[in-house]
Every structure is written in structure tokens, then in C-alpha cells.
Amino acid sequence: MVYRYPSGMIMPFDDVCPSGWTRVSAFDNNFLRGSSTSGGTGGNSEHTHTFDPASKQVSYSLVHSSDWGPDEISHLNQHYHTINIPSTVSGPAEHIPPYINVVFCKKD
């Protein structure tokens, strides 16, 4: 039985395009997505996150006392330290799912 593929048909192949087919290099290194219009592109292979930790205020309570003979002097010394962590951007993370390389070929 002989199969006839219509001119313009695009199919994936393992390695190289067979005779009568031309490689569609515009598809190289891209994922394909169905759409009502053709030729559009989009997406990214990596992403980052920007985060802005809030300022943190840490409080310390200390009781200081001195023995001045029969009278003891003590007082509460409470103070705060504010630590401001600046906004930052994470390093890039790749989010490409596992894949198998193929070539896409268009029937002449």
C-alpha cells in the first residue's frame, strides 16, 4: 500500500528529513502550540522571582542592677534593632519539562 502525504504537511522525524521533505527550522528549540492563527511565538525557558522581605524589628529586654550597699538600683533597659533586608531578585530557574529532540519536516 502506498501512502500519499499532501504537500505542506508537517511531521516530526527522529533525525533528518526524508527525501521529498524540507526541514522547518523555525520550529527548532521551540514547543509547538495549537492556535487559530499561525506563526505566533511566546514563552520563556527561564523565570525569576522578585521578593521584598519586610523590615524586621527585634527587641531585647535586659535588667541592669547594681548593689550600692543596702540599696539595690535596677532598671529595665529595653531597646530595638531594625534590620532592613532590601528587595532582591532570585537567580534564574529553568522550567523546561523533560523532552526528546526531533526535527520537523514539511512535505514538498
Protein backbone atom coordinates (compact mmCIF):
# COMPACT_ATOMS: atom_id res chain seq x y z
CA MET A 1 0.00 0.00 0.00
CA VAL A 2 1.37 3.41 -0.92
CA TYR A 3 0.58 6.39 1.30
CA ARG A 4 0.50 9.88 -0.19
CA TYR A 5 1.13 12.81 2.10
CA PRO A 6 -0.28 16.13 0.92
CA SER A 7 2.15 18.92 0.05
CA GLY A 8 2.62 21.26 3.04
CA MET A 9 2.02 18.58 5.67
CA ILE A 10 4.42 18.90 8.64
CA MET A 11 5.59 15.87 10.62
CA PRO A 12 8.27 15.08 13.24
CA PHE A 13 11.17 12.79 12.39
CA ASP A 14 13.92 11.23 14.52
CA ASP A 15 16.99 12.60 12.78
CA VAL A 16 16.85 14.02 9.25
CA CYS A 17 14.12 14.82 6.79
CA PRO A 18 13.46 12.07 4.26
CA SER A 19 13.65 12.69 0.53
CA GLY A 20 10.79 14.94 -0.62
CA TRP A 21 10.58 16.73 2.74
CA THR A 22 12.19 20.03 3.87
CA ARG A 23 13.22 20.83 7.44
CA VAL A 24 11.16 23.54 9.17
CA SER A 25 13.98 25.24 11.12
CA ALA A 26 11.57 27.87 12.56
CA PHE A 27 10.36 25.10 14.91
CA ASP A 28 13.88 24.35 16.25
CA ASN A 29 14.20 24.80 20.06
CA ASN A 30 10.51 25.70 20.46
CA PHE A 31 7.46 23.92 21.81
CA LEU A 32 4.53 23.86 19.43
CA ARG A 33 1.06 25.00 20.44
CA GLY A 34 -2.18 24.79 18.53
CA SER A 35 -3.84 28.11 17.66
CA SER A 36 -6.47 29.59 15.38
CA THR A 37 -3.70 31.68 13.76
CA SER A 38 -0.25 30.50 12.78
CA GLY A 39 3.23 31.89 13.24
CA GLY A 40 2.93 33.49 16.69
CA THR A 41 5.64 32.96 19.30
CA GLY A 42 5.90 33.37 23.06
CA GLY A 43 7.06 31.94 26.35
CA ASN A 44 10.40 31.79 28.14
CA SER A 45 12.62 28.91 29.14
CA GLU A 46 13.60 30.55 32.46
CA HIS A 47 11.96 32.68 35.11
CA THR A 48 12.94 34.69 38.20
CA HIS A 49 11.10 35.90 41.30
CA THR A 50 11.36 39.34 42.88
CA PHE A 51 10.78 39.43 46.59
CA ASP A 52 10.87 42.21 49.16
CA PRO A 53 11.13 40.92 52.71
CA ALA A 54 9.62 43.26 55.26
CA SER A 55 11.81 45.11 57.72
CA LYS A 56 12.23 43.12 60.89
CA GLN A 57 12.36 44.66 64.33
CA VAL A 58 14.00 42.65 67.07
CA SER A 59 13.56 43.63 70.70
CA TYR A 60 15.85 42.82 73.60
CA SER A 61 14.97 43.25 77.28
CA LEU A 62 17.72 43.46 79.86
CA VAL A 63 17.54 44.14 83.58
CA HIS A 64 20.59 46.02 84.85
CA SER A 65 21.22 46.11 88.58
CA SER A 66 23.88 47.46 90.90
CA ASP A 67 24.44 46.74 94.54
CA TRP A 68 25.19 50.03 96.31
CA GLY A 69 25.24 48.66 99.76
CA PRO A 70 21.84 48.24 101.41
CA ASP A 71 20.03 49.76 98.39
CA GLU A 72 19.88 47.99 95.08
CA ILE A 73 19.29 50.01 91.91
CA SER A 74 17.80 48.21 88.98
CA HIS A 75 16.07 49.30 85.81
CA LEU A 76 14.72 47.74 82.64
CA ASN A 77 16.75 48.58 79.55
CA GLN A 78 14.73 47.59 76.52
CA HIS A 79 15.92 48.52 73.06
CA TYR A 80 15.24 47.57 69.45
CA HIS A 81 17.30 46.82 66.38
CA THR A 82 15.74 47.18 62.94
CA ILE A 83 17.11 45.08 60.13
CA ASN A 84 16.03 46.14 56.66
CA ILE A 85 16.57 43.46 54.03
CA PRO A 86 16.47 45.07 50.57
CA SER A 87 14.37 43.82 47.69
CA THR A 88 16.15 41.29 45.53
CA VAL A 89 15.64 39.07 42.50
CA SER A 90 16.25 35.34 42.61
CA GLY A 91 18.61 33.64 40.22
CA PRO A 92 17.09 32.20 37.07
CA ALA A 93 15.38 28.81 37.21
CA GLU A 94 14.78 26.66 34.17
CA HIS A 95 11.28 25.27 33.78
CA ILE A 96 11.52 23.18 30.64
CA PRO A 97 9.88 19.78 31.08
CA PRO A 98 11.69 16.60 30.02
CA TYR A 99 11.82 16.33 26.24
CA ILE A 100 13.07 14.38 23.23
CA ASN A 101 14.62 16.25 20.31
CA VAL A 102 13.03 15.73 16.89
CA VAL A 103 13.19 17.56 13.58
CA PHE A 104 10.07 18.88 11.90
CA CYS A 105 9.82 18.45 8.18
CA LYS A 106 7.35 19.81 5.64
CA LYS A 107 6.25 17.75 2.63
CA ASP A 108 7.43 19.37 -0.62
